[in-house]
Amino acid sequence: MHLVTISGAVRPQPKSNTTKIVEAFLHGFEEGGNSAEVFYISDRRQWQSAAEAFYGNKQILIALPLYVENIPGILLEFLSGLTPKTEDGTKLAFLVQGGFPEACQSRCCKAYLETLPGQLGCEYAGTLIKGDMFGLGMVNDKTREKMLAPFTEMGRHFASTGCFEKSVVNDFAAPEYMPEKQIRFYNRFMHHISRFFMGRIAKKLGCTEKLDAQPLVESSRRNEVKDT
C-alpha cells in the first residue's frame, strides 16, 4: 500500500508537533513493506506536488493540528483549490492532534472533516483524534518517544485495515471528558504550578506580555477615560 500524507500544520517542519506525529505514524505504517510520501502545506512550493499526488493516488491521509476548534486556514485554502475526483476508490482519512486533553474539544473539527471526502470525490476512511500534545516539542527525548509510541502502533493498525475503525479511534482518543475529581484537583492544587510553567514556556517563545493581558479591554478603558 502507498500512502500520500498531507500535513496541514502551519508551523515549519522543525517546530511542528504534527510533523513529529506523522513521522511516528509512518514508522509503524511502513514496517510491513508499505510506502509513503509526505507533503507539507506550510511550504507553498509543495502545493502543486501535493495536489498531483492527491489526484494520482487512492490512499490519502491529511494530518493537522486543531486550530480554534477546526482546521488551519492554510489547509482550508489548499483544499479549496482541489478539484473533486471523478473516479471512485480513493479513501481519505484524517489525523487530528491538539493541545486540549479532552477528545470532545476536537469533535467539531471531526464533524467538519467527515464532510470533506464527499466534496472531494473520495470515501471517508475515518478520523484519528489525540489531545494533550501541546508539550511534544518541549519534553526530553525519552518522554517524547513515549508520547509518540501510540501513533506508531496506530500506523501499524492503519496498514492492516486501510482505515481508522471507529471503536479503535474512540479508545485512542480517550478521555472524552476529564473526570470531575481530576478537574477539581487541578483547580485547587495545579493551577498556579501550571501557570508558572506556561509563563516560562511563553518567555522562551518570545512572549513579552503577561499571559492574562487584555490589551483591547485596557485600550477601551483608556478611551473611556479620555471621553469623560
Protein backbone atom coordinates (compact mmCIF):
# COMPACT_ATOMS: atom_id res chain seq x y z
CA MET A 1 0.00 0.00 0.00
CA HIS A 2 1.21 3.52 -0.81
CA LEU A 3 0.01 6.35 1.41
CA VAL A 4 0.08 10.02 0.47
CA THR A 5 0.20 12.13 3.63
CA ILE A 6 -0.53 15.85 3.57
CA SER A 7 0.46 17.81 6.68
CA GLY A 8 -1.80 20.82 7.24
CA ALA A 9 0.32 22.29 10.03
CA VAL A 10 1.14 26.00 9.89
CA ARG A 11 4.50 25.71 11.65
CA PRO A 12 7.61 24.83 9.61
CA GLN A 13 8.71 21.20 9.92
CA PRO A 14 11.38 21.53 12.64
CA LYS A 15 8.91 23.20 15.04
CA SER A 16 5.79 21.24 14.12
CA ASN A 17 4.27 18.70 16.52
CA THR A 18 2.22 17.39 13.61
CA THR A 19 5.44 16.55 11.75
CA LYS A 20 6.74 14.54 14.70
CA ILE A 21 3.45 12.65 14.95
CA VAL A 22 3.34 11.92 11.21
CA GLU A 23 6.89 10.56 11.34
CA ALA A 24 5.97 8.22 14.21
CA PHE A 25 2.77 7.11 12.47
CA LEU A 26 4.55 6.36 9.19
CA HIS A 27 7.27 4.47 11.03
CA GLY A 28 4.63 1.93 12.05
CA PHE A 29 2.84 2.09 8.69
CA GLU A 30 5.96 1.28 6.66
CA GLU A 31 7.13 -1.64 8.83
CA GLY A 32 5.30 -4.20 6.71
CA GLY A 33 6.76 -3.01 3.42
CA ASN A 34 4.30 -0.21 2.72
CA SER A 35 5.50 3.08 1.26
CA ALA A 36 4.59 6.69 1.97
CA GLU A 37 5.33 10.23 0.89
CA VAL A 38 4.64 13.44 2.85
CA PHE A 39 3.82 16.94 1.68
CA TYR A 40 3.89 19.99 3.96
CA ILE A 41 1.33 22.71 3.31
CA SER A 42 3.39 25.19 5.34
CA ASP A 43 5.71 25.23 2.31
CA ARG A 44 3.67 26.64 -0.56
CA ARG A 45 6.26 25.38 -3.02
CA GLN A 46 4.94 21.87 -2.32
CA TRP A 47 1.29 22.65 -3.08
CA GLN A 48 1.42 21.66 -6.75
CA SER A 49 3.16 18.37 -5.99
CA ALA A 50 0.73 17.66 -3.15
CA ALA A 51 -2.25 18.25 -5.45
CA GLU A 52 -0.78 15.97 -8.12
CA ALA A 53 -0.20 13.25 -5.52
CA PHE A 54 -3.80 13.65 -4.35
CA TYR A 55 -5.11 13.12 -7.87
CA GLY A 56 -2.73 10.25 -8.65
CA ASN A 57 -3.21 8.06 -5.55
CA LYS A 58 -6.00 6.13 -3.86
CA GLN A 59 -4.93 6.25 -0.21
CA ILE A 60 -4.72 9.74 1.32
CA LEU A 61 -4.12 10.87 4.91
CA ILE A 62 -4.43 14.51 5.95
CA ALA A 63 -2.79 15.28 9.29
CA LEU A 64 -3.45 18.55 11.07
CA PRO A 65 -3.36 20.40 14.38
CA LEU A 66 -6.60 21.63 15.93
CA TYR A 67 -6.96 25.39 15.32
CA VAL A 68 -9.81 27.24 17.05
CA GLU A 69 -11.94 24.07 17.13
CA ASN A 70 -11.35 23.37 13.43
CA ILE A 71 -8.74 23.14 10.66
CA PRO A 72 -5.95 25.68 9.98
CA GLY A 73 -6.80 28.33 7.40
CA ILE A 74 -3.81 27.45 5.22
CA LEU A 75 -5.08 23.87 4.89
CA LEU A 76 -8.56 25.12 4.01
CA GLU A 77 -7.01 27.32 1.32
CA PHE A 78 -5.17 24.33 -0.15
CA LEU A 79 -8.24 22.10 -0.10
CA SER A 80 -10.34 24.82 -1.73
CA GLY A 81 -8.04 24.67 -4.74
CA LEU A 82 -8.57 20.94 -5.34
CA THR A 83 -10.96 19.66 -7.97
CA PRO A 84 -13.17 16.73 -6.84
CA LYS A 85 -12.09 13.37 -8.16
CA THR A 86 -14.34 11.78 -10.79
CA GLU A 87 -13.17 8.16 -10.34
CA ASP A 88 -14.30 6.09 -7.37
CA GLY A 89 -11.99 4.29 -5.00
CA THR A 90 -9.95 6.95 -3.22
CA LYS A 91 -10.01 6.70 0.58
CA LEU A 92 -9.43 9.89 2.58
CA ALA A 93 -8.55 9.67 6.29
CA PHE A 94 -7.62 12.32 8.82
CA LEU A 95 -5.35 12.63 11.86
CA VAL A 96 -6.11 15.48 14.27
CA GLN A 97 -3.82 16.37 17.17
CA GLY A 98 -4.37 19.15 19.69
CA GLY A 99 -3.25 20.57 22.99
CA PHE A 100 -6.50 20.04 24.88
CA PRO A 101 -6.54 16.70 26.72
CA GLU A 102 -10.28 16.06 26.18
CA ALA A 103 -11.32 14.46 22.89
CA CYS A 104 -14.57 16.41 22.95
CA GLN A 105 -12.58 19.53 22.02
CA SER A 106 -11.90 18.01 18.59
CA ARG A 107 -15.40 16.75 17.81
CA CYS A 108 -16.47 19.91 15.98
CA CYS A 109 -13.44 19.58 13.71
CA LYS A 110 -14.14 15.88 13.20
CA ALA A 111 -17.73 16.62 12.15
CA TYR A 112 -16.43 19.05 9.53
CA LEU A 113 -13.77 16.64 8.28
CA GLU A 114 -16.42 13.98 7.74
CA THR A 115 -17.98 16.22 5.07
CA LEU A 116 -14.78 16.72 3.08
CA PRO A 117 -14.39 13.32 1.38
CA GLY A 118 -17.77 13.66 -0.29
CA GLN A 119 -16.87 17.15 -1.52
CA LEU A 120 -13.57 15.88 -2.94
CA GLY A 121 -14.94 12.74 -4.62
CA CYS A 122 -13.45 10.37 -2.03
CA GLU A 123 -14.60 7.79 0.51
CA TYR A 124 -14.34 8.63 4.20
CA ALA A 125 -11.76 6.42 5.95
CA GLY A 126 -12.10 7.72 9.49
CA THR A 127 -10.51 10.31 11.76
CA LEU A 128 -7.88 9.66 14.42
CA ILE A 129 -8.01 12.15 17.31
CA LYS A 130 -5.48 12.70 20.08
CA GLY A 131 -5.16 15.56 22.54
CA ASP A 132 -2.65 16.64 25.16
CA MET A 133 0.06 17.03 22.52
CA PHE A 134 1.00 20.66 23.23
CA GLY A 135 4.24 19.84 25.04
CA LEU A 136 5.50 17.31 22.50
CA GLY A 137 8.26 19.57 21.25
CA MET A 138 9.31 20.70 24.73
CA VAL A 139 9.89 17.43 26.56
CA ASN A 140 13.03 15.31 26.65
CA ASP A 141 13.65 12.58 24.08
CA LYS A 142 12.56 9.73 26.35
CA THR A 143 9.22 11.36 27.18
CA ARG A 144 8.67 12.29 23.54
CA GLU A 145 9.22 8.69 22.44
CA LYS A 146 6.66 7.55 25.00
CA MET A 147 4.12 10.10 23.73
CA LEU A 148 4.68 9.09 20.10
CA ALA A 149 4.68 5.30 20.59
CA PRO A 150 0.83 5.04 20.37
CA PHE A 151 0.93 6.75 16.96
CA THR A 152 3.43 4.21 15.70
CA GLU A 153 1.05 1.46 16.80
CA MET A 154 -1.83 3.19 15.03
CA GLY A 155 0.34 3.32 11.90
CA ARG A 156 0.61 -0.46 12.06
CA HIS A 157 -3.17 -0.72 12.53
CA PHE A 158 -3.85 1.57 9.57
CA ALA A 159 -1.52 -0.51 7.40
CA SER A 160 -3.61 -3.61 8.10
CA THR A 161 -7.05 -2.01 7.73
CA GLY A 162 -6.63 0.93 5.36
CA CYS A 163 -8.86 3.00 7.61
CA PHE A 164 -9.41 4.22 11.16
CA GLU A 165 -12.04 1.98 12.72
CA LYS A 166 -14.49 3.82 14.98
CA SER A 167 -14.10 1.61 18.06
CA VAL A 168 -10.30 1.75 17.87
CA VAL A 169 -10.04 5.51 17.41
CA ASN A 170 -12.53 6.20 20.22
CA ASP A 171 -10.34 4.25 22.64
CA PHE A 172 -7.26 6.02 21.29
CA ALA A 173 -8.81 9.47 21.73
CA ALA A 174 -9.75 8.99 25.40
CA PRO A 175 -10.53 10.71 27.63
CA GLU A 176 -13.62 12.22 26.06
CA TYR A 177 -14.09 14.37 29.17
CA MET A 178 -11.79 14.83 32.14
CA PRO A 179 -13.18 13.30 35.37
CA GLU A 180 -14.73 15.89 37.70
CA LYS A 181 -12.45 14.76 40.51
CA GLN A 182 -9.39 15.45 38.38
CA ILE A 183 -10.72 18.87 37.36
CA ARG A 184 -11.33 19.84 41.00
CA PHE A 185 -7.81 18.68 41.92
CA TYR A 186 -6.31 20.74 39.13
CA ASN A 187 -8.27 23.87 40.04
CA ARG A 188 -7.26 23.56 43.67
CA PHE A 189 -3.62 22.49 43.51
CA MET A 190 -2.19 22.52 39.98
CA HIS A 191 -3.50 25.76 38.52
CA HIS A 192 -0.73 28.00 39.87
CA ILE A 193 2.02 25.48 39.06
CA SER A 194 0.76 25.15 35.50
CA ARG A 195 0.55 28.91 35.18
CA PHE A 196 4.18 29.24 36.30
CA PHE A 197 5.48 26.75 33.74
CA MET A 198 3.30 28.17 30.96
CA GLY A 199 4.81 31.56 31.71
CA ARG A 200 8.32 30.15 31.31
CA ILE A 201 7.37 28.49 28.03
CA ALA A 202 5.84 31.76 26.78
CA LYS A 203 9.08 33.63 27.53
CA LYS A 204 11.10 31.06 25.59
CA LEU A 205 8.74 31.59 22.65
CA GLY A 206 9.33 35.34 22.77
CA CYS A 207 6.25 36.49 24.69
CA THR A 208 6.87 39.79 26.49
CA GLU A 209 3.42 40.40 27.98
CA LYS A 210 1.54 38.64 30.79
CA LEU A 211 -0.50 35.62 29.71
CA ASP A 212 -3.70 37.17 31.06
CA ALA A 213 -3.09 40.55 29.39
CA GLN A 214 -6.21 42.13 27.88
CA PRO A 215 -4.87 44.88 25.61
CA LEU A 216 -8.19 45.55 23.88
CA VAL A 217 -10.03 45.89 27.18
CA GLU A 218 -7.34 48.18 28.60
CA SER A 219 -7.34 50.29 25.43
CA SER A 220 -11.13 50.60 25.63
CA ARG A 221 -10.92 51.75 29.24
CA ARG A 222 -8.33 54.41 28.39
CA ASN A 223 -10.55 55.71 25.64
CA GLU A 224 -13.49 55.89 28.02
CA VAL A 225 -11.43 57.97 30.45
CA LYS A 226 -10.43 60.36 27.65
CA ASP A 227 -14.05 60.76 26.56
CA THR A 228 -15.15 61.70 30.07
